[in-house]
Amino acid sequence: DLLRDSGLECVFNTTGRRAKREELMEWGA
């Protein structure tokens, strides 16, 4: 709710596991 109320656009980790380095680099570009 706090994120949504801020109006920010978000990218979520939907893998259900710890993110890998390559995924962080792609998602967080």
mmCIF file of all heavy atoms, coordinates in Angstrom:
data_MODEL
# 
_entry.id   MODEL 
# 
loop_
_atom_site.group_PDB 
_atom_site.id 
_atom_site.type_symbol 
_atom_site.label_atom_id 
_atom_site.label_alt_id 
_atom_site.label_comp_id 
_atom_site.label_asym_id 
_atom_site.label_entity_id 
_atom_site.label_seq_id 
_atom_site.pdbx_PDB_ins_code 
_atom_site.Cartn_x 
_atom_site.Cartn_y 
_atom_site.Cartn_z 
_atom_site.occupancy 
_atom_site.B_iso_or_equiv 
_atom_site.pdbx_formal_charge 
_atom_site.auth_seq_id 
_atom_site.auth_comp_id 
_atom_site.auth_asym_id 
_atom_site.auth_atom_id 
_atom_site.pdbx_PDB_model_num 
ATOM 1   N N   . ASP A 1 1  ? 0.833  -1.208  0.000   1.00 0.00 ? 1  ASP A N   1 
ATOM 2   C CA  . ASP A 1 1  ? 0.000  0.000   0.000   1.00 0.00 ? 1  ASP A CA  1 
ATOM 3   C C   . ASP A 1 1  ? 0.864  1.253   0.000   1.00 0.00 ? 1  ASP A C   1 
ATOM 4   O O   . ASP A 1 1  ? 0.574  2.233   -0.699  1.00 0.00 ? 1  ASP A O   1 
ATOM 5   C CB  . ASP A 1 1  ? -0.924 0.010   1.227   1.00 0.00 ? 1  ASP A CB  1 
ATOM 6   C CG  . ASP A 1 1  ? -2.004 -1.051  1.167   1.00 0.00 ? 1  ASP A CG  1 
ATOM 7   O OD1 . ASP A 1 1  ? -2.259 -1.577  0.063   1.00 0.00 ? 1  ASP A OD1 1 
ATOM 8   O OD2 . ASP A 1 1  ? -2.579 -1.361  2.225   1.00 0.00 ? 1  ASP A OD2 1 
ATOM 9   N N   . LEU A 1 2  ? 1.946  1.225   0.783   1.00 0.00 ? 2  LEU A N   1 
ATOM 10  C CA  . LEU A 1 2  ? 2.841  2.368   0.868   1.00 0.00 ? 2  LEU A CA  1 
ATOM 11  C C   . LEU A 1 2  ? 3.492  2.647   -0.484  1.00 0.00 ? 2  LEU A C   1 
ATOM 12  O O   . LEU A 1 2  ? 3.620  3.803   -0.902  1.00 0.00 ? 2  LEU A O   1 
ATOM 13  C CB  . LEU A 1 2  ? 3.908  2.106   1.940   1.00 0.00 ? 2  LEU A CB  1 
ATOM 14  C CG  . LEU A 1 2  ? 4.734  3.294   2.437   1.00 0.00 ? 2  LEU A CG  1 
ATOM 15  C CD1 . LEU A 1 2  ? 3.833  4.393   2.985   1.00 0.00 ? 2  LEU A CD1 1 
ATOM 16  C CD2 . LEU A 1 2  ? 5.722  2.825   3.511   1.00 0.00 ? 2  LEU A CD2 1 
ATOM 17  N N   . LEU A 1 3  ? 3.878  1.594   -1.164  1.00 0.00 ? 3  LEU A N   1 
ATOM 18  C CA  . LEU A 1 3  ? 4.456  1.760   -2.496  1.00 0.00 ? 3  LEU A CA  1 
ATOM 19  C C   . LEU A 1 3  ? 3.427  2.311   -3.476  1.00 0.00 ? 3  LEU A C   1 
ATOM 20  O O   . LEU A 1 3  ? 3.697  3.248   -4.238  1.00 0.00 ? 3  LEU A O   1 
ATOM 21  C CB  . LEU A 1 3  ? 4.974  0.416   -3.010  1.00 0.00 ? 3  LEU A CB  1 
ATOM 22  C CG  . LEU A 1 3  ? 6.445  0.075   -2.785  1.00 0.00 ? 3  LEU A CG  1 
ATOM 23  C CD1 . LEU A 1 3  ? 6.763  -1.273  -3.406  1.00 0.00 ? 3  LEU A CD1 1 
ATOM 24  C CD2 . LEU A 1 3  ? 7.348  1.149   -3.368  1.00 0.00 ? 3  LEU A CD2 1 
ATOM 25  N N   . ARG A 1 4  ? 2.246  1.726   -3.470  1.00 0.00 ? 4  ARG A N   1 
ATOM 26  C CA  . ARG A 1 4  ? 1.203  2.150   -4.409  1.00 0.00 ? 4  ARG A CA  1 
ATOM 27  C C   . ARG A 1 4  ? 0.774  3.589   -4.153  1.00 0.00 ? 4  ARG A C   1 
ATOM 28  O O   . ARG A 1 4  ? 0.580  4.364   -5.093  1.00 0.00 ? 4  ARG A O   1 
ATOM 29  C CB  . ARG A 1 4  ? 0.004  1.209   -4.300  1.00 0.00 ? 4  ARG A CB  1 
ATOM 30  C CG  . ARG A 1 4  ? 0.237  -0.154  -4.944  1.00 0.00 ? 4  ARG A CG  1 
ATOM 31  C CD  . ARG A 1 4  ? -0.915 -1.095  -4.677  1.00 0.00 ? 4  ARG A CD  1 
ATOM 32  N NE  . ARG A 1 4  ? -0.764 -2.341  -5.417  1.00 0.00 ? 4  ARG A NE  1 
ATOM 33  C CZ  . ARG A 1 4  ? -1.441 -3.458  -5.157  1.00 0.00 ? 4  ARG A CZ  1 
ATOM 34  N NH1 . ARG A 1 4  ? -2.331 -3.462  -4.153  1.00 0.00 ? 4  ARG A NH1 1 
ATOM 35  N NH2 . ARG A 1 4  ? -1.246 -4.551  -5.869  1.00 0.00 ? 4  ARG A NH2 1 
ATOM 36  N N   . ASP A 1 5  ? 0.645  3.956   -2.886  1.00 0.00 ? 5  ASP A N   1 
ATOM 37  C CA  . ASP A 1 5  ? 0.224  5.314   -2.552  1.00 0.00 ? 5  ASP A CA  1 
ATOM 38  C C   . ASP A 1 5  ? 1.266  6.350   -2.955  1.00 0.00 ? 5  ASP A C   1 
ATOM 39  O O   . ASP A 1 5  ? 0.942  7.526   -3.148  1.00 0.00 ? 5  ASP A O   1 
ATOM 40  C CB  . ASP A 1 5  ? -0.055 5.430   -1.043  1.00 0.00 ? 5  ASP A CB  1 
ATOM 41  C CG  . ASP A 1 5  ? -1.285 4.645   -0.623  1.00 0.00 ? 5  ASP A CG  1 
ATOM 42  O OD1 . ASP A 1 5  ? -2.071 4.253   -1.489  1.00 0.00 ? 5  ASP A OD1 1 
ATOM 43  O OD2 . ASP A 1 5  ? -1.436 4.403   0.597   1.00 0.00 ? 5  ASP A OD2 1 
ATOM 44  N N   . SER A 1 6  ? 2.521  5.925   -3.077  1.00 0.00 ? 6  SER A N   1 
ATOM 45  C CA  . SER A 1 6  ? 3.578  6.857   -3.480  1.00 0.00 ? 6  SER A CA  1 
ATOM 46  C C   . SER A 1 6  ? 3.482  7.214   -4.963  1.00 0.00 ? 6  SER A C   1 
ATOM 47  O O   . SER A 1 6  ? 4.079  8.194   -5.410  1.00 0.00 ? 6  SER A O   1 
ATOM 48  C CB  . SER A 1 6  ? 4.951  6.232   -3.210  1.00 0.00 ? 6  SER A CB  1 
ATOM 49  O OG  . SER A 1 6  ? 5.215  5.182   -4.137  1.00 0.00 ? 6  SER A OG  1 
ATOM 50  N N   . GLY A 1 7  ? 2.737  6.406   -5.721  1.00 0.00 ? 7  GLY A N   1 
ATOM 51  C CA  . GLY A 1 7  ? 2.612  6.652   -7.154  1.00 0.00 ? 7  GLY A CA  1 
ATOM 52  C C   . GLY A 1 7  ? 3.800  6.184   -7.970  1.00 0.00 ? 7  GLY A C   1 
ATOM 53  O O   . GLY A 1 7  ? 3.879  6.460   -9.176  1.00 0.00 ? 7  GLY A O   1 
ATOM 54  N N   . LEU A 1 8  ? 4.730  5.471   -7.339  1.00 0.00 ? 8  LEU A N   1 
ATOM 55  C CA  . LEU A 1 8  ? 5.920  5.012   -8.042  1.00 0.00 ? 8  LEU A CA  1 
ATOM 56  C C   . LEU A 1 8  ? 5.618  3.826   -8.952  1.00 0.00 ? 8  LEU A C   1 
ATOM 57  O O   . LEU A 1 8  ? 4.799  2.969   -8.640  1.00 0.00 ? 8  LEU A O   1 
ATOM 58  C CB  . LEU A 1 8  ? 7.000  4.590   -7.039  1.00 0.00 ? 8  LEU A CB  1 
ATOM 59  C CG  . LEU A 1 8  ? 7.589  5.684   -6.152  1.00 0.00 ? 8  LEU A CG  1 
ATOM 60  C CD1 . LEU A 1 8  ? 8.462  5.075   -5.084  1.00 0.00 ? 8  LEU A CD1 1 
ATOM 61  C CD2 . LEU A 1 8  ? 8.388  6.663   -6.998  1.00 0.00 ? 8  LEU A CD2 1 
ATOM 62  N N   . GLU A 1 9  ? 6.326  3.778   -10.058 1.00 0.00 ? 9  GLU A N   1 
ATOM 63  C CA  . GLU A 1 9  ? 6.271  2.615   -10.931 1.00 0.00 ? 9  GLU A CA  1 
ATOM 64  C C   . GLU A 1 9  ? 7.257  1.590   -10.386 1.00 0.00 ? 9  GLU A C   1 
ATOM 65  O O   . GLU A 1 9  ? 8.389  1.926   -10.012 1.00 0.00 ? 9  GLU A O   1 
ATOM 66  C CB  . GLU A 1 9  ? 6.649  3.002   -12.359 1.00 0.00 ? 9  GLU A CB  1 
ATOM 67  C CG  . GLU A 1 9  ? 6.552  1.848   -13.354 1.00 0.00 ? 9  GLU A CG  1 
ATOM 68  C CD  . GLU A 1 9  ? 6.987  2.246   -14.750 1.00 0.00 ? 9  GLU A CD  1 
ATOM 69  O OE1 . GLU A 1 9  ? 7.274  3.445   -14.963 1.00 0.00 ? 9  GLU A OE1 1 
ATOM 70  O OE2 . GLU A 1 9  ? 7.066  1.352   -15.615 1.00 0.00 ? 9  GLU A OE2 1 
ATOM 71  N N   . CYS A 1 10 ? 6.838  0.338   -10.341 1.00 0.00 ? 10 CYS A N   1 
ATOM 72  C CA  . CYS A 1 10 ? 7.671  -0.685  -9.706  1.00 0.00 ? 10 CYS A CA  1 
ATOM 73  C C   . CYS A 1 10 ? 7.880  -1.889  -10.618 1.00 0.00 ? 10 CYS A C   1 
ATOM 74  O O   . CYS A 1 10 ? 6.995  -2.269  -11.393 1.00 0.00 ? 10 CYS A O   1 
ATOM 75  C CB  . CYS A 1 10 ? 7.031  -1.173  -8.412  1.00 0.00 ? 10 CYS A CB  1 
ATOM 76  S SG  . CYS A 1 10 ? 6.848  0.100   -7.156  1.00 0.00 ? 10 CYS A SG  1 
ATOM 77  N N   . VAL A 1 11 ? 9.068  -2.476  -10.491 1.00 0.00 ? 11 VAL A N   1 
ATOM 78  C CA  . VAL A 1 11 ? 9.386  -3.765  -11.103 1.00 0.00 ? 11 VAL A CA  1 
ATOM 79  C C   . VAL A 1 11 ? 9.481  -4.774  -9.960  1.00 0.00 ? 11 VAL A C   1 
ATOM 80  O O   . VAL A 1 11 ? 10.199 -4.539  -8.984  1.00 0.00 ? 11 VAL A O   1 
ATOM 81  C CB  . VAL A 1 11 ? 10.728 -3.711  -11.859 1.00 0.00 ? 11 VAL A CB  1 
ATOM 82  C CG1 . VAL A 1 11 ? 11.071 -5.078  -12.430 1.00 0.00 ? 11 VAL A CG1 1 
ATOM 83  C CG2 . VAL A 1 11 ? 10.677 -2.658  -12.951 1.00 0.00 ? 11 VAL A CG2 1 
ATOM 84  N N   . PHE A 1 12 ? 8.758  -5.886  -10.061 1.00 0.00 ? 12 PHE A N   1 
ATOM 85  C CA  . PHE A 1 12 ? 8.715  -6.862  -8.975  1.00 0.00 ? 12 PHE A CA  1 
ATOM 86  C C   . PHE A 1 12 ? 9.448  -8.143  -9.345  1.00 0.00 ? 12 PHE A C   1 
ATOM 87  O O   . PHE A 1 12 ? 9.392  -8.594  -10.496 1.00 0.00 ? 12 PHE A O   1 
ATOM 88  C CB  . PHE A 1 12 ? 7.256  -7.204  -8.635  1.00 0.00 ? 12 PHE A CB  1 
ATOM 89  C CG  . PHE A 1 12 ? 6.522  -6.099  -7.934  1.00 0.00 ? 12 PHE A CG  1 
ATOM 90  C CD1 . PHE A 1 12 ? 5.842  -5.134  -8.670  1.00 0.00 ? 12 PHE A CD1 1 
ATOM 91  C CD2 . PHE A 1 12 ? 6.518  -6.012  -6.548  1.00 0.00 ? 12 PHE A CD2 1 
ATOM 92  C CE1 . PHE A 1 12 ? 5.164  -4.107  -8.031  1.00 0.00 ? 12 PHE A CE1 1 
ATOM 93  C CE2 . PHE A 1 12 ? 5.838  -4.992  -5.902  1.00 0.00 ? 12 PHE A CE2 1 
ATOM 94  C CZ  . PHE A 1 12 ? 5.163  -4.035  -6.645  1.00 0.00 ? 12 PHE A CZ  1 
ATOM 95  N N   . ASN A 1 13 ? 10.121 -8.717  -8.355  1.00 0.00 ? 13 ASN A N   1 
ATOM 96  C CA  . ASN A 1 13 ? 10.694 -10.054 -8.501  1.00 0.00 ? 13 ASN A CA  1 
ATOM 97  C C   . ASN A 1 13 ? 9.563  -11.059 -8.338  1.00 0.00 ? 13 ASN A C   1 
ATOM 98  O O   . ASN A 1 13 ? 9.040  -11.235 -7.240  1.00 0.00 ? 13 ASN A O   1 
ATOM 99  C CB  . ASN A 1 13 ? 11.773 -10.279 -7.439  1.00 0.00 ? 13 ASN A CB  1 
ATOM 100 C CG  . ASN A 1 13 ? 12.327 -11.698 -7.449  1.00 0.00 ? 13 ASN A CG  1 
ATOM 101 O OD1 . ASN A 1 13 ? 11.957 -12.524 -8.280  1.00 0.00 ? 13 ASN A OD1 1 
ATOM 102 N ND2 . ASN A 1 13 ? 13.216 -11.988 -6.514  1.00 0.00 ? 13 ASN A ND2 1 
ATOM 103 N N   . THR A 1 14 ? 9.202  -11.717 -9.410  1.00 0.00 ? 14 THR A N   1 
ATOM 104 C CA  . THR A 1 14 ? 8.087  -12.672 -9.373  1.00 0.00 ? 14 THR A CA  1 
ATOM 105 C C   . THR A 1 14 ? 8.567  -14.117 -9.486  1.00 0.00 ? 14 THR A C   1 
ATOM 106 O O   . THR A 1 14 ? 7.763  -15.020 -9.721  1.00 0.00 ? 14 THR A O   1 
ATOM 107 C CB  . THR A 1 14 ? 7.094  -12.377 -10.512 1.00 0.00 ? 14 THR A CB  1 
ATOM 108 O OG1 . THR A 1 14 ? 7.781  -12.471 -11.775 1.00 0.00 ? 14 THR A OG1 1 
ATOM 109 C CG2 . THR A 1 14 ? 6.483  -10.990 -10.371 1.00 0.00 ? 14 THR A CG2 1 
ATOM 110 N N   . THR A 1 15 ? 9.872  -14.347 -9.314  1.00 0.00 ? 15 THR A N   1 
ATOM 111 C CA  . THR A 1 15 ? 10.417 -15.690 -9.490  1.00 0.00 ? 15 THR A CA  1 
ATOM 112 C C   . THR A 1 15 ? 10.147 -16.603 -8.301  1.00 0.00 ? 15 THR A C   1 
ATOM 113 O O   . THR A 1 15 ? 10.220 -17.825 -8.429  1.00 0.00 ? 15 THR A O   1 
ATOM 114 C CB  . THR A 1 15 ? 11.939 -15.631 -9.712  1.00 0.00 ? 15 THR A CB  1 
ATOM 115 O OG1 . THR A 1 15 ? 12.564 -15.130 -8.524  1.00 0.00 ? 15 THR A OG1 1 
ATOM 116 C CG2 . THR A 1 15 ? 12.282 -14.725 -10.889 1.00 0.00 ? 15 THR A CG2 1 
ATOM 117 N N   . GLY A 1 16 ? 9.865  -15.999 -7.118  1.00 0.00 ? 16 GLY A N   1 
ATOM 118 C CA  . GLY A 1 16 ? 9.680  -16.808 -5.924  1.00 0.00 ? 16 GLY A CA  1 
ATOM 119 C C   . GLY A 1 16 ? 10.980 -17.305 -5.326  1.00 0.00 ? 16 GLY A C   1 
ATOM 120 O O   . GLY A 1 16 ? 10.975 -18.171 -4.444  1.00 0.00 ? 16 GLY A O   1 
ATOM 121 N N   . ARG A 1 17 ? 12.100 -16.766 -5.768  1.00 0.00 ? 17 ARG A N   1 
ATOM 122 C CA  . ARG A 1 17 ? 13.415 -17.151 -5.252  1.00 0.00 ? 17 ARG A CA  1 
ATOM 123 C C   . ARG A 1 17 ? 14.310 -15.914 -5.220  1.00 0.00 ? 17 ARG A C   1 
ATOM 124 O O   . ARG A 1 17 ? 13.942 -14.858 -5.723  1.00 0.00 ? 17 ARG A O   1 
ATOM 125 C CB  . ARG A 1 17 ? 14.059 -18.231 -6.128  1.00 0.00 ? 17 ARG A CB  1 
ATOM 126 C CG  . ARG A 1 17 ? 14.165 -17.830 -7.576  1.00 0.00 ? 17 ARG A CG  1 
ATOM 127 C CD  . ARG A 1 17 ? 15.152 -18.654 -8.368  1.00 0.00 ? 17 ARG A CD  1 
ATOM 128 N NE  . ARG A 1 17 ? 15.060 -18.362 -9.786  1.00 0.00 ? 17 ARG A NE  1 
ATOM 129 C CZ  . ARG A 1 17 ? 15.555 -17.274 -10.364 1.00 0.00 ? 17 ARG A CZ  1 
ATOM 130 N NH1 . ARG A 1 17 ? 16.175 -16.360 -9.636  1.00 0.00 ? 17 ARG A NH1 1 
ATOM 131 N NH2 . ARG A 1 17 ? 15.431 -17.085 -11.662 1.00 0.00 ? 17 ARG A NH2 1 
ATOM 132 N N   . ARG A 1 18 ? 15.509 -16.093 -4.648  1.00 0.00 ? 18 ARG A N   1 
ATOM 133 C CA  . ARG A 1 18 ? 16.476 -15.003 -4.593  1.00 0.00 ? 18 ARG A CA  1 
ATOM 134 C C   . ARG A 1 18 ? 16.897 -14.589 -6.000  1.00 0.00 ? 18 ARG A C   1 
ATOM 135 O O   . ARG A 1 18 ? 17.188 -15.439 -6.855  1.00 0.00 ? 18 ARG A O   1 
ATOM 136 C CB  . ARG A 1 18 ? 17.697 -15.419 -3.788  1.00 0.00 ? 18 ARG A CB  1 
ATOM 137 C CG  . ARG A 1 18 ? 18.715 -14.306 -3.555  1.00 0.00 ? 18 ARG A CG  1 
ATOM 138 C CD  . ARG A 1 18 ? 19.900 -14.811 -2.746  1.00 0.00 ? 18 ARG A CD  1 
ATOM 139 N NE  . ARG A 1 18 ? 19.464 -15.334 -1.450  1.00 0.00 ? 18 ARG A NE  1 
ATOM 140 C CZ  . ARG A 1 18 ? 20.271 -15.947 -0.600  1.00 0.00 ? 18 ARG A CZ  1 
ATOM 141 N NH1 . ARG A 1 18 ? 21.558 -16.128 -0.903  1.00 0.00 ? 18 ARG A NH1 1 
ATOM 142 N NH2 . ARG A 1 18 ? 19.810 -16.378 0.561   1.00 0.00 ? 18 ARG A NH2 1 
ATOM 143 N N   . ALA A 1 19 ? 16.923 -13.293 -6.264  1.00 0.00 ? 19 ALA A N   1 
ATOM 144 C CA  . ALA A 1 19 ? 17.298 -12.788 -7.583  1.00 0.00 ? 19 ALA A CA  1 
ATOM 145 C C   . ALA A 1 19 ? 18.773 -13.035 -7.856  1.00 0.00 ? 19 ALA A C   1 
ATOM 146 O O   . ALA A 1 19 ? 19.620 -12.943 -6.968  1.00 0.00 ? 19 ALA A O   1 
ATOM 147 C CB  . ALA A 1 19 ? 17.000 -11.295 -7.674  1.00 0.00 ? 19 ALA A CB  1 
ATOM 148 N N   . LYS A 1 20 ? 19.086 -13.349 -9.106  1.00 0.00 ? 20 LYS A N   1 
ATOM 149 C CA  . LYS A 1 20 ? 20.461 -13.554 -9.537  1.00 0.00 ? 20 LYS A CA  1 
ATOM 150 C C   . LYS A 1 20 ? 21.046 -12.224 -10.042 1.00 0.00 ? 20 LYS A C   1 
ATOM 151 O O   . LYS A 1 20 ? 20.320 -11.289 -10.360 1.00 0.00 ? 20 LYS A O   1 
ATOM 152 C CB  . LYS A 1 20 ? 20.522 -14.597 -10.649 1.00 0.00 ? 20 LYS A CB  1 
ATOM 153 C CG  . LYS A 1 20 ? 19.972 -15.959 -10.230 1.00 0.00 ? 20 LYS A CG  1 
ATOM 154 C CD  . LYS A 1 20 ? 19.971 -16.930 -11.401 1.00 0.00 ? 20 LYS A CD  1 
ATOM 155 C CE  . LYS A 1 20 ? 19.397 -18.282 -11.004 1.00 0.00 ? 20 LYS A CE  1 
ATOM 156 N NZ  . LYS A 1 20 ? 19.349 -19.212 -12.152 1.00 0.00 ? 20 LYS A NZ  1 
ATOM 157 N N   . ARG A 1 21 ? 22.374 -12.184 -10.118 1.00 0.00 ? 21 ARG A N   1 
ATOM 158 C CA  . ARG A 1 21 ? 23.059 -10.959 -10.535 1.00 0.00 ? 21 ARG A CA  1 
ATOM 159 C C   . ARG A 1 21 ? 22.557 -10.485 -11.900 1.00 0.00 ? 21 ARG A C   1 
ATOM 160 O O   . ARG A 1 21 ? 22.277 -9.307  -12.109 1.00 0.00 ? 21 ARG A O   1 
ATOM 161 C CB  . ARG A 1 21 ? 24.571 -11.186 -10.609 1.00 0.00 ? 21 ARG A CB  1 
ATOM 162 C CG  . ARG A 1 21 ? 25.233 -11.419 -9.266  1.00 0.00 ? 21 ARG A CG  1 
ATOM 163 C CD  . ARG A 1 21 ? 26.725 -11.682 -9.401  1.00 0.00 ? 21 ARG A CD  1 
ATOM 164 N NE  . ARG A 1 21 ? 27.450 -10.482 -9.791  1.00 0.00 ? 21 ARG A NE  1 
ATOM 165 C CZ  . ARG A 1 21 ? 27.878 -10.224 -11.018 1.00 0.00 ? 21 ARG A CZ  1 
ATOM 166 N NH1 . ARG A 1 21 ? 27.627 -11.066 -12.009 1.00 0.00 ? 21 ARG A NH1 1 
ATOM 167 N NH2 . ARG A 1 21 ? 28.548 -9.114  -11.264 1.00 0.00 ? 21 ARG A NH2 1 
ATOM 168 N N   . GLU A 1 22 ? 22.457 -11.418 -12.841 1.00 0.00 ? 22 GLU A N   1 
ATOM 169 C CA  . GLU A 1 22 ? 22.044 -11.041 -14.186 1.00 0.00 ? 22 GLU A CA  1 
ATOM 170 C C   . GLU A 1 22 ? 20.630 -10.477 -14.199 1.00 0.00 ? 22 GLU A C   1 
ATOM 171 O O   . GLU A 1 22 ? 20.323 -9.556  -14.967 1.00 0.00 ? 22 GLU A O   1 
ATOM 172 C CB  . GLU A 1 22 ? 22.118 -12.261 -15.125 1.00 0.00 ? 22 GLU A CB  1 
ATOM 173 C CG  . GLU A 1 22 ? 23.454 -12.987 -15.153 1.00 0.00 ? 22 GLU A CG  1 
ATOM 174 C CD  . GLU A 1 22 ? 23.669 -13.884 -13.935 1.00 0.00 ? 22 GLU A CD  1 
ATOM 175 O OE1 . GLU A 1 22 ? 22.719 -14.563 -13.497 1.00 0.00 ? 22 GLU A OE1 1 
ATOM 176 O OE2 . GLU A 1 22 ? 24.798 -13.844 -13.404 1.00 0.00 ? 22 GLU A OE2 1 
ATOM 177 N N   . GLU A 1 23 ? 19.773 -11.021 -13.350 1.00 0.00 ? 23 GLU A N   1 
ATOM 178 C CA  . GLU A 1 23 ? 18.400 -10.535 -13.266 1.00 0.00 ? 23 GLU A CA  1 
ATOM 179 C C   . GLU A 1 23 ? 18.364 -9.130  -12.668 1.00 0.00 ? 23 GLU A C   1 
ATOM 180 O O   . GLU A 1 23 ? 17.621 -8.264  -13.147 1.00 0.00 ? 23 GLU A O   1 
ATOM 181 C CB  . GLU A 1 23 ? 17.559 -11.501 -12.434 1.00 0.00 ? 23 GLU A CB  1 
ATOM 182 C CG  . GLU A 1 23 ? 17.359 -12.845 -13.119 1.00 0.00 ? 23 GLU A CG  1 
ATOM 183 C CD  . GLU A 1 23 ? 16.766 -13.901 -12.201 1.00 0.00 ? 23 GLU A CD  1 
ATOM 184 O OE1 . GLU A 1 23 ? 16.963 -13.817 -10.974 1.00 0.00 ? 23 GLU A OE1 1 
ATOM 185 O OE2 . GLU A 1 23 ? 16.100 -14.822 -12.726 1.00 0.00 ? 23 GLU A OE2 1 
ATOM 186 N N   . LEU A 1 24 ? 19.155 -8.906  -11.627 1.00 0.00 ? 24 LEU A N   1 
ATOM 187 C CA  . LEU A 1 24 ? 19.213 -7.564  -11.041 1.00 0.00 ? 24 LEU A CA  1 
ATOM 188 C C   . LEU A 1 24 ? 19.659 -6.536  -12.071 1.00 0.00 ? 24 LEU A C   1 
ATOM 189 O O   . LEU A 1 24 ? 19.109 -5.433  -12.150 1.00 0.00 ? 24 LEU A O   1 
ATOM 190 C CB  . LEU A 1 24 ? 20.183 -7.550  -9.856  1.00 0.00 ? 24 LEU A CB  1 
ATOM 191 C CG  . LEU A 1 24 ? 19.783 -8.365  -8.620  1.00 0.00 ? 24 LEU A CG  1 
ATOM 192 C CD1 . LEU A 1 24 ? 20.935 -8.387  -7.625  1.00 0.00 ? 24 LEU A CD1 1 
ATOM 193 C CD2 . LEU A 1 24 ? 18.532 -7.792  -7.972  1.00 0.00 ? 24 LEU A CD2 1 
ATOM 194 N N   . MET A 1 25 ? 20.653 -6.899  -12.857 1.00 0.00 ? 25 MET A N   1 
ATOM 195 C CA  . MET A 1 25 ? 21.183 -5.985  -13.867 1.00 0.00 ? 25 MET A CA  1 
ATOM 196 C C   . MET A 1 25 ? 20.153 -5.686  -14.950 1.00 0.00 ? 25 MET A C   1 
ATOM 197 O O   . MET A 1 25 ? 20.071 -4.561  -15.452 1.00 0.00 ? 25 MET A O   1 
ATOM 198 C CB  . MET A 1 25 ? 22.462 -6.581  -14.464 1.00 0.00 ? 25 MET A CB  1 
ATOM 199 C CG  . MET A 1 25 ? 23.589 -6.697  -13.445 1.00 0.00 ? 25 MET A CG  1 
ATOM 200 S SD  . MET A 1 25 ? 24.949 -7.787  -13.946 1.00 0.00 ? 25 MET A SD  1 
ATOM 201 C CE  . MET A 1 25 ? 25.786 -6.724  -15.124 1.00 0.00 ? 25 MET A CE  1 
ATOM 202 N N   . GLU A 1 26 ? 19.349 -6.687  -15.264 1.00 0.00 ? 26 GLU A N   1 
ATOM 203 C CA  . GLU A 1 26 ? 18.294 -6.489  -16.279 1.00 0.00 ? 26 GLU A CA  1 
ATOM 204 C C   . GLU A 1 26 ? 17.119 -5.704  -15.700 1.00 0.00 ? 26 GLU A C   1 
ATOM 205 O O   . GLU A 1 26 ? 16.677 -4.703  -16.275 1.00 0.00 ? 26 GLU A O   1 
ATOM 206 C CB  . GLU A 1 26 ? 17.809 -7.846  -16.784 1.00 0.00 ? 26 GLU A CB  1 
ATOM 207 C CG  . GLU A 1 26 ? 16.657 -7.758  -17.777 1.00 0.00 ? 26 GLU A CG  1 
ATOM 208 C CD  . GLU A 1 26 ? 16.081 -9.113  -18.150 1.00 0.00 ? 26 GLU A CD  1 
ATOM 209 O OE1 . GLU A 1 26 ? 16.682 -10.148 -17.775 1.00 0.00 ? 26 GLU A OE1 1 
ATOM 210 O OE2 . GLU A 1 26 ? 15.011 -9.135  -18.797 1.00 0.00 ? 26 GLU A OE2 1 
ATOM 211 N N   . TRP A 1 27 ? 16.618 -6.132  -14.551 1.00 0.00 ? 27 TRP A N   1 
ATOM 212 C CA  . TRP A 1 27 ? 15.434 -5.503  -13.971 1.00 0.00 ? 27 TRP A CA  1 
ATOM 213 C C   . TRP A 1 27 ? 15.719 -4.071  -13.508 1.00 0.00 ? 27 TRP A C   1 
ATOM 214 O O   . TRP A 1 27 ? 14.842 -3.214  -13.556 1.00 0.00 ? 27 TRP A O   1 
ATOM 215 C CB  . TRP A 1 27 ? 14.939 -6.309  -12.763 1.00 0.00 ? 27 TRP A CB  1 
ATOM 216 C CG  . TRP A 1 27 ? 14.535 -7.713  -13.063 1.00 0.00 ? 27 TRP A CG  1 
ATOM 217 C CD1 . TRP A 1 27 ? 14.186 -8.233  -14.272 1.00 0.00 ? 27 TRP A CD1 1 
ATOM 218 C CD2 . TRP A 1 27 ? 14.464 -8.795  -12.123 1.00 0.00 ? 27 TRP A CD2 1 
ATOM 219 N NE1 . TRP A 1 27 ? 13.881 -9.568  -14.152 1.00 0.00 ? 27 TRP A NE1 1 
ATOM 220 C CE2 . TRP A 1 27 ? 14.044 -9.943  -12.848 1.00 0.00 ? 27 TRP A CE2 1 
ATOM 221 C CE3 . TRP A 1 27 ? 14.702 -8.913  -10.759 1.00 0.00 ? 27 TRP A CE3 1 
ATOM 222 C CZ2 . TRP A 1 27 ? 13.865 -11.186 -12.232 1.00 0.00 ? 27 TRP A CZ2 1 
ATOM 223 C CZ3 . TRP A 1 27 ? 14.524 -10.143 -10.146 1.00 0.00 ? 27 TRP A CZ3 1 
ATOM 224 C CH2 . TRP A 1 27 ? 14.114 -11.262 -10.873 1.00 0.00 ? 27 TRP A CH2 1 
ATOM 225 N N   . GLY A 1 28 ? 16.944 -3.846  -13.019 1.00 0.00 ? 28 GLY A N   1 
ATOM 226 C CA  . GLY A 1 28 ? 17.242 -2.556  -12.410 1.00 0.00 ? 28 GLY A CA  1 
ATOM 227 C C   . GLY A 1 28 ? 17.884 -1.543  -13.332 1.00 0.00 ? 28 GLY A C   1 
ATOM 228 O O   . GLY A 1 28 ? 18.325 -0.483  -12.864 1.00 0.00 ? 28 GLY A O   1 
ATOM 229 N N   . ALA A 1 29 ? 17.922 -1.822  -14.613 1.00 0.00 ? 29 ALA A N   1 
ATOM 230 C CA  . ALA A 1 29 ? 18.656 -0.966  -15.561 1.00 0.00 ? 29 ALA A CA  1 
ATOM 231 C C   . ALA A 1 29 ? 18.195 0.484   -15.521 1.00 0.00 ? 29 ALA A C   1 
ATOM 232 O O   . ALA A 1 29 ? 19.005 1.407   -15.698 1.00 0.00 ? 29 ALA A O   1 
ATOM 233 C CB  . ALA A 1 29 ? 18.536 -1.531  -16.970 1.00 0.00 ? 29 ALA A CB  1 
# 
